[in-house]
Amino acid sequence: MIIVPYLKVQTNQEVASKEAFLKKLSKESAEALSKAENYIMLNLEAEKEMFFAGTLEPCVFMEVKSIGLEESMTAALSEFLCNFMEKELNVKQNRIYIEFNDAPGKMWGWNGSTF
């Protein structure tokens, strides 16, 4: 079982409609993972001061924190997320970093309990 409860996106790009961006990312993430959207939490930090590879060109840093995330899943998630950011934010994929973190269910609280 994989649950992707949290995805944080930091970018130096402007996001014209943050709500529309988050709704689309939430929906497509749920579809890509075949999971219920009601478990996914997103955090968008746009227009951040970010300097990558010696320039201020468009870039993105993402953190994926998940319960049951296996190493074998990260390549497909990286492909999905990089494609999404390239399409939606016009950020070249070689200017995107993603940090993946697996969390044991007992270390993730929700609804007054843990998973």
N, C-alpha and C. Protein backbone atom coordinates (compact mmCIF):
# COMPACT_ATOMS: atom_id res chain seq x y z
N MET A 1 0.84 -1.18 0.00
CA MET A 1 0.00 0.00 0.00
C MET A 1 0.88 1.24 0.00
N ILE A 2 0.57 2.17 -0.89
CA ILE A 2 1.28 3.45 -0.89
C ILE A 2 0.26 4.56 -0.69
N ILE A 3 0.55 5.41 0.23
CA ILE A 3 -0.26 6.61 0.45
C ILE A 3 0.69 7.79 0.29
N VAL A 4 0.34 8.73 -0.53
CA VAL A 4 1.16 9.92 -0.72
C VAL A 4 0.44 11.09 -0.09
N PRO A 5 0.65 11.27 1.21
CA PRO A 5 -0.11 12.32 1.86
C PRO A 5 0.44 13.73 1.67
N TYR A 6 1.71 13.89 1.29
CA TYR A 6 2.24 15.24 1.28
C TYR A 6 3.21 15.46 0.14
N LEU A 7 2.96 16.51 -0.62
CA LEU A 7 3.86 16.93 -1.69
C LEU A 7 4.05 18.43 -1.56
N LYS A 8 5.30 18.84 -1.36
CA LYS A 8 5.64 20.25 -1.25
C LYS A 8 6.36 20.67 -2.52
N VAL A 9 5.89 21.76 -3.13
CA VAL A 9 6.48 22.29 -4.36
C VAL A 9 6.99 23.69 -4.08
N GLN A 10 8.27 23.89 -4.28
CA GLN A 10 8.86 25.22 -4.17
C GLN A 10 9.40 25.59 -5.55
N THR A 11 9.09 26.81 -5.98
CA THR A 11 9.56 27.26 -7.29
C THR A 11 9.80 28.76 -7.28
N ASN A 12 10.65 29.19 -8.19
CA ASN A 12 10.87 30.62 -8.35
C ASN A 12 9.94 31.19 -9.42
N GLN A 13 9.03 30.36 -9.92
CA GLN A 13 8.08 30.78 -10.93
C GLN A 13 6.81 31.36 -10.32
N GLU A 14 6.19 32.25 -11.07
CA GLU A 14 4.88 32.76 -10.69
C GLU A 14 3.84 31.72 -11.11
N VAL A 15 2.86 31.50 -10.27
CA VAL A 15 1.76 30.60 -10.60
C VAL A 15 0.50 31.47 -10.64
N ALA A 16 0.00 31.67 -11.85
CA ALA A 16 -1.12 32.60 -12.05
C ALA A 16 -2.33 32.25 -11.19
N SER A 17 -2.75 31.01 -11.25
CA SER A 17 -3.89 30.57 -10.43
C SER A 17 -3.41 29.42 -9.56
N LYS A 18 -3.07 29.74 -8.34
CA LYS A 18 -2.57 28.72 -7.42
C LYS A 18 -3.61 27.64 -7.17
N GLU A 19 -4.86 28.03 -7.01
CA GLU A 19 -5.91 27.06 -6.75
C GLU A 19 -6.07 26.09 -7.92
N ALA A 20 -6.07 26.61 -9.14
CA ALA A 20 -6.22 25.75 -10.32
C ALA A 20 -5.02 24.81 -10.44
N PHE A 21 -3.82 25.32 -10.19
CA PHE A 21 -2.61 24.50 -10.24
C PHE A 21 -2.69 23.36 -9.22
N LEU A 22 -3.07 23.69 -7.98
CA LEU A 22 -3.14 22.68 -6.93
C LEU A 22 -4.23 21.65 -7.20
N LYS A 23 -5.38 22.10 -7.69
CA LYS A 23 -6.45 21.16 -8.01
C LYS A 23 -6.01 20.17 -9.09
N LYS A 24 -5.35 20.68 -10.11
CA LYS A 24 -4.89 19.82 -11.20
C LYS A 24 -3.82 18.85 -10.72
N LEU A 25 -2.88 19.34 -9.93
CA LEU A 25 -1.81 18.48 -9.40
C LEU A 25 -2.39 17.42 -8.48
N SER A 26 -3.34 17.77 -7.65
CA SER A 26 -3.96 16.82 -6.75
C SER A 26 -4.69 15.72 -7.52
N LYS A 27 -5.49 16.13 -8.48
CA LYS A 27 -6.26 15.18 -9.29
C LYS A 27 -5.35 14.25 -10.08
N GLU A 28 -4.36 14.82 -10.77
CA GLU A 28 -3.47 14.01 -11.60
C GLU A 28 -2.56 13.12 -10.76
N SER A 29 -2.15 13.58 -9.58
CA SER A 29 -1.34 12.75 -8.69
C SER A 29 -2.14 11.53 -8.24
N ALA A 30 -3.38 11.77 -7.86
CA ALA A 30 -4.24 10.66 -7.43
C ALA A 30 -4.44 9.66 -8.56
N GLU A 31 -4.68 10.17 -9.77
CA GLU A 31 -4.87 9.29 -10.92
C GLU A 31 -3.59 8.51 -11.24
N ALA A 32 -2.45 9.18 -11.22
CA ALA A 32 -1.18 8.53 -11.54
C ALA A 32 -0.84 7.42 -10.55
N LEU A 33 -1.29 7.60 -9.31
CA LEU A 33 -0.98 6.62 -8.26
C LEU A 33 -2.13 5.67 -7.99
N SER A 34 -3.24 5.86 -8.69
CA SER A 34 -4.45 5.05 -8.45
C SER A 34 -4.84 5.09 -6.97
N LYS A 35 -4.82 6.29 -6.40
CA LYS A 35 -5.16 6.48 -4.99
C LYS A 35 -6.27 7.51 -4.85
N ALA A 36 -6.93 7.46 -3.72
CA ALA A 36 -7.98 8.42 -3.42
C ALA A 36 -7.38 9.80 -3.20
N GLU A 37 -7.96 10.79 -3.84
CA GLU A 37 -7.46 12.16 -3.73
C GLU A 37 -7.62 12.71 -2.31
N ASN A 38 -8.54 12.16 -1.53
CA ASN A 38 -8.78 12.71 -0.20
C ASN A 38 -7.62 12.49 0.77
N TYR A 39 -6.59 11.73 0.39
CA TYR A 39 -5.41 11.56 1.24
C TYR A 39 -4.28 12.52 0.88
N ILE A 40 -4.37 13.17 -0.24
CA ILE A 40 -3.24 13.96 -0.75
C ILE A 40 -3.29 15.39 -0.21
N MET A 41 -2.18 15.83 0.37
CA MET A 41 -2.03 17.21 0.83
C MET A 41 -0.90 17.83 0.02
N LEU A 42 -1.14 19.04 -0.49
CA LEU A 42 -0.15 19.75 -1.30
C LEU A 42 0.20 21.08 -0.65
N ASN A 43 1.43 21.48 -0.84
CA ASN A 43 1.90 22.78 -0.37
C ASN A 43 2.65 23.43 -1.52
N LEU A 44 2.21 24.60 -1.93
CA LEU A 44 2.86 25.33 -3.02
C LEU A 44 3.48 26.60 -2.48
N GLU A 45 4.76 26.75 -2.73
CA GLU A 45 5.47 27.98 -2.40
C GLU A 45 6.04 28.52 -3.70
N ALA A 46 5.34 29.50 -4.28
CA ALA A 46 5.74 30.07 -5.56
C ALA A 46 6.50 31.37 -5.36
N GLU A 47 7.18 31.79 -6.42
CA GLU A 47 7.93 33.03 -6.45
C GLU A 47 8.97 33.12 -5.32
N LYS A 48 9.60 31.98 -5.02
CA LYS A 48 10.64 31.92 -4.00
C LYS A 48 11.96 32.38 -4.62
N GLU A 49 12.83 32.91 -3.79
CA GLU A 49 14.18 33.24 -4.24
C GLU A 49 14.96 31.93 -4.33
N MET A 50 15.16 31.45 -5.56
CA MET A 50 15.84 30.18 -5.76
C MET A 50 16.92 30.35 -6.83
N PHE A 51 18.08 29.88 -6.52
CA PHE A 51 19.26 29.97 -7.40
C PHE A 51 19.76 28.55 -7.59
N PHE A 52 19.80 28.07 -8.83
CA PHE A 52 20.18 26.69 -9.11
C PHE A 52 21.14 26.65 -10.30
N ALA A 53 22.21 25.91 -10.16
CA ALA A 53 23.21 25.73 -11.23
C ALA A 53 23.77 27.08 -11.71
N GLY A 54 23.92 27.99 -10.77
CA GLY A 54 24.54 29.27 -11.09
C GLY A 54 23.64 30.30 -11.73
N THR A 55 22.32 30.04 -11.79
CA THR A 55 21.43 31.01 -12.43
C THR A 55 20.10 31.12 -11.67
N LEU A 56 19.36 32.16 -12.02
CA LEU A 56 18.01 32.36 -11.50
C LEU A 56 16.95 31.85 -12.47
N GLU A 57 17.35 31.07 -13.45
CA GLU A 57 16.40 30.51 -14.40
C GLU A 57 15.35 29.69 -13.65
N PRO A 58 14.19 29.46 -14.28
CA PRO A 58 13.12 28.70 -13.63
C PRO A 58 13.61 27.36 -13.07
N CYS A 59 13.20 27.07 -11.82
CA CYS A 59 13.57 25.81 -11.19
C CYS A 59 12.49 25.42 -10.18
N VAL A 60 12.54 24.15 -9.78
CA VAL A 60 11.58 23.59 -8.83
C VAL A 60 12.30 22.64 -7.89
N PHE A 61 11.92 22.67 -6.62
CA PHE A 61 12.33 21.66 -5.65
C PHE A 61 11.06 21.09 -5.04
N MET A 62 10.98 19.76 -5.00
CA MET A 62 9.80 19.10 -4.43
C MET A 62 10.22 18.13 -3.35
N GLU A 63 9.37 18.01 -2.34
CA GLU A 63 9.51 16.99 -1.30
C GLU A 63 8.28 16.11 -1.35
N VAL A 64 8.50 14.81 -1.46
CA VAL A 64 7.41 13.83 -1.43
C VAL A 64 7.58 13.02 -0.16
N LYS A 65 6.62 13.11 0.73
CA LYS A 65 6.63 12.33 1.97
C LYS A 65 5.46 11.36 1.89
N SER A 66 5.78 10.08 2.04
CA SER A 66 4.78 9.07 1.76
C SER A 66 4.90 7.88 2.69
N ILE A 67 3.78 7.23 2.91
CA ILE A 67 3.77 5.97 3.66
C ILE A 67 3.80 4.84 2.64
N GLY A 68 4.76 3.96 2.78
CA GLY A 68 4.86 2.81 1.89
C GLY A 68 5.54 3.10 0.57
N LEU A 69 6.30 4.18 0.51
CA LEU A 69 7.02 4.52 -0.71
C LEU A 69 8.25 3.64 -0.84
N GLU A 70 8.28 2.86 -1.90
CA GLU A 70 9.42 1.97 -2.13
C GLU A 70 10.35 2.59 -3.16
N GLU A 71 11.62 2.27 -3.06
CA GLU A 71 12.63 2.80 -3.97
C GLU A 71 12.26 2.52 -5.42
N SER A 72 11.65 1.39 -5.67
CA SER A 72 11.28 1.02 -7.04
C SER A 72 10.20 1.93 -7.64
N MET A 73 9.54 2.72 -6.83
CA MET A 73 8.46 3.60 -7.29
C MET A 73 8.94 5.00 -7.63
N THR A 74 10.13 5.36 -7.18
CA THR A 74 10.55 6.75 -7.30
C THR A 74 10.83 7.20 -8.73
N ALA A 75 11.30 6.32 -9.58
CA ALA A 75 11.57 6.71 -10.97
C ALA A 75 10.28 7.12 -11.68
N ALA A 76 9.23 6.33 -11.52
CA ALA A 76 7.95 6.66 -12.16
C ALA A 76 7.36 7.94 -11.58
N LEU A 77 7.48 8.12 -10.26
CA LEU A 77 6.99 9.35 -9.64
C LEU A 77 7.78 10.56 -10.13
N SER A 78 9.08 10.40 -10.25
CA SER A 78 9.92 11.48 -10.74
C SER A 78 9.52 11.86 -12.17
N GLU A 79 9.30 10.87 -13.00
CA GLU A 79 8.89 11.13 -14.38
C GLU A 79 7.56 11.89 -14.41
N PHE A 80 6.58 11.42 -13.66
CA PHE A 80 5.28 12.08 -13.61
C PHE A 80 5.41 13.52 -13.12
N LEU A 81 6.10 13.73 -12.00
CA LEU A 81 6.20 15.07 -11.42
C LEU A 81 7.00 16.02 -12.31
N CYS A 82 8.09 15.54 -12.88
CA CYS A 82 8.89 16.39 -13.77
C CYS A 82 8.10 16.78 -15.01
N ASN A 83 7.39 15.83 -15.60
CA ASN A 83 6.54 16.14 -16.76
C ASN A 83 5.48 17.18 -16.40
N PHE A 84 4.86 17.01 -15.24
CA PHE A 84 3.83 17.94 -14.80
C PHE A 84 4.41 19.35 -14.63
N MET A 85 5.54 19.48 -13.96
CA MET A 85 6.13 20.80 -13.71
C MET A 85 6.62 21.45 -15.00
N GLU A 86 7.14 20.63 -15.90
CA GLU A 86 7.59 21.18 -17.18
C GLU A 86 6.39 21.73 -17.97
N LYS A 87 5.30 20.98 -17.98
CA LYS A 87 4.10 21.39 -18.71
C LYS A 87 3.42 22.59 -18.06
N GLU A 88 3.25 22.54 -16.75
CA GLU A 88 2.47 23.57 -16.05
C GLU A 88 3.25 24.83 -15.70
N LEU A 89 4.55 24.68 -15.42
CA LEU A 89 5.35 25.84 -14.98
C LEU A 89 6.45 26.24 -15.96
N ASN A 90 6.57 25.51 -17.05
CA ASN A 90 7.62 25.80 -18.03
C ASN A 90 9.02 25.69 -17.45
N VAL A 91 9.22 24.71 -16.57
CA VAL A 91 10.53 24.49 -15.97
C VAL A 91 11.15 23.26 -16.63
N LYS A 92 12.35 23.43 -17.15
CA LYS A 92 13.05 22.30 -17.78
C LYS A 92 13.30 21.22 -16.72
N GLN A 93 13.17 19.98 -17.14
CA GLN A 93 13.31 18.87 -16.20
C GLN A 93 14.68 18.78 -15.56
N ASN A 94 15.72 19.27 -16.24
CA ASN A 94 17.05 19.24 -15.63
C ASN A 94 17.26 20.37 -14.61
N ARG A 95 16.18 21.10 -14.32
CA ARG A 95 16.22 22.14 -13.29
C ARG A 95 15.21 21.84 -12.19
N ILE A 96 14.96 20.54 -12.01
CA ILE A 96 14.02 20.08 -10.99
C ILE A 96 14.71 19.04 -10.12
N TYR A 97 14.63 19.24 -8.82
CA TYR A 97 15.08 18.24 -7.85
C TYR A 97 13.87 17.75 -7.07
N ILE A 98 13.90 16.46 -6.71
CA ILE A 98 12.83 15.87 -5.91
C ILE A 98 13.47 15.05 -4.80
N GLU A 99 13.03 15.28 -3.58
CA GLU A 99 13.46 14.48 -2.44
C GLU A 99 12.31 13.56 -2.05
N PHE A 100 12.58 12.25 -2.03
CA PHE A 100 11.57 11.26 -1.66
C PHE A 100 11.85 10.76 -0.25
N ASN A 101 10.79 10.68 0.55
CA ASN A 101 10.91 10.18 1.92
C ASN A 101 9.79 9.20 2.22
N ASP A 102 10.17 8.01 2.67
CA ASP A 102 9.19 7.03 3.13
C ASP A 102 9.01 7.22 4.62
N ALA A 103 7.77 7.15 5.07
CA ALA A 103 7.48 7.30 6.50
C ALA A 103 6.73 6.06 6.98
N PRO A 104 7.17 5.46 8.07
CA PRO A 104 6.39 4.35 8.63
C PRO A 104 5.02 4.86 9.07
N GLY A 105 3.99 4.07 8.86
CA GLY A 105 2.63 4.47 9.20
C GLY A 105 2.48 4.93 10.64
N LYS A 106 3.18 4.30 11.55
CA LYS A 106 3.09 4.68 12.97
C LYS A 106 3.74 6.03 13.27
N MET A 107 4.49 6.55 12.29
CA MET A 107 5.15 7.85 12.47
C MET A 107 4.41 8.96 11.72
N TRP A 108 3.18 8.67 11.25
CA TRP A 108 2.40 9.66 10.52
C TRP A 108 1.03 9.74 11.17
N GLY A 109 0.74 10.87 11.80
CA GLY A 109 -0.53 11.04 12.48
C GLY A 109 -1.61 11.58 11.56
N TRP A 110 -2.83 11.17 11.84
CA TRP A 110 -3.98 11.63 11.08
C TRP A 110 -5.26 11.27 11.82
N ASN A 111 -6.18 12.18 11.89
CA ASN A 111 -7.51 11.92 12.43
C ASN A 111 -7.46 11.40 13.88
N GLY A 112 -6.56 11.94 14.66
CA GLY A 112 -6.47 11.56 16.07
C GLY A 112 -5.75 10.24 16.32
N SER A 113 -5.14 9.67 15.29
CA SER A 113 -4.44 8.40 15.42
C SER A 113 -3.23 8.40 14.48
N THR A 114 -2.76 7.25 14.12
CA THR A 114 -1.70 7.11 13.13
C THR A 114 -2.14 6.08 12.09
N PHE A 115 -1.40 6.04 11.01
CA PHE A 115 -1.66 5.03 9.98
C PHE A 115 -1.02 3.74 10.45
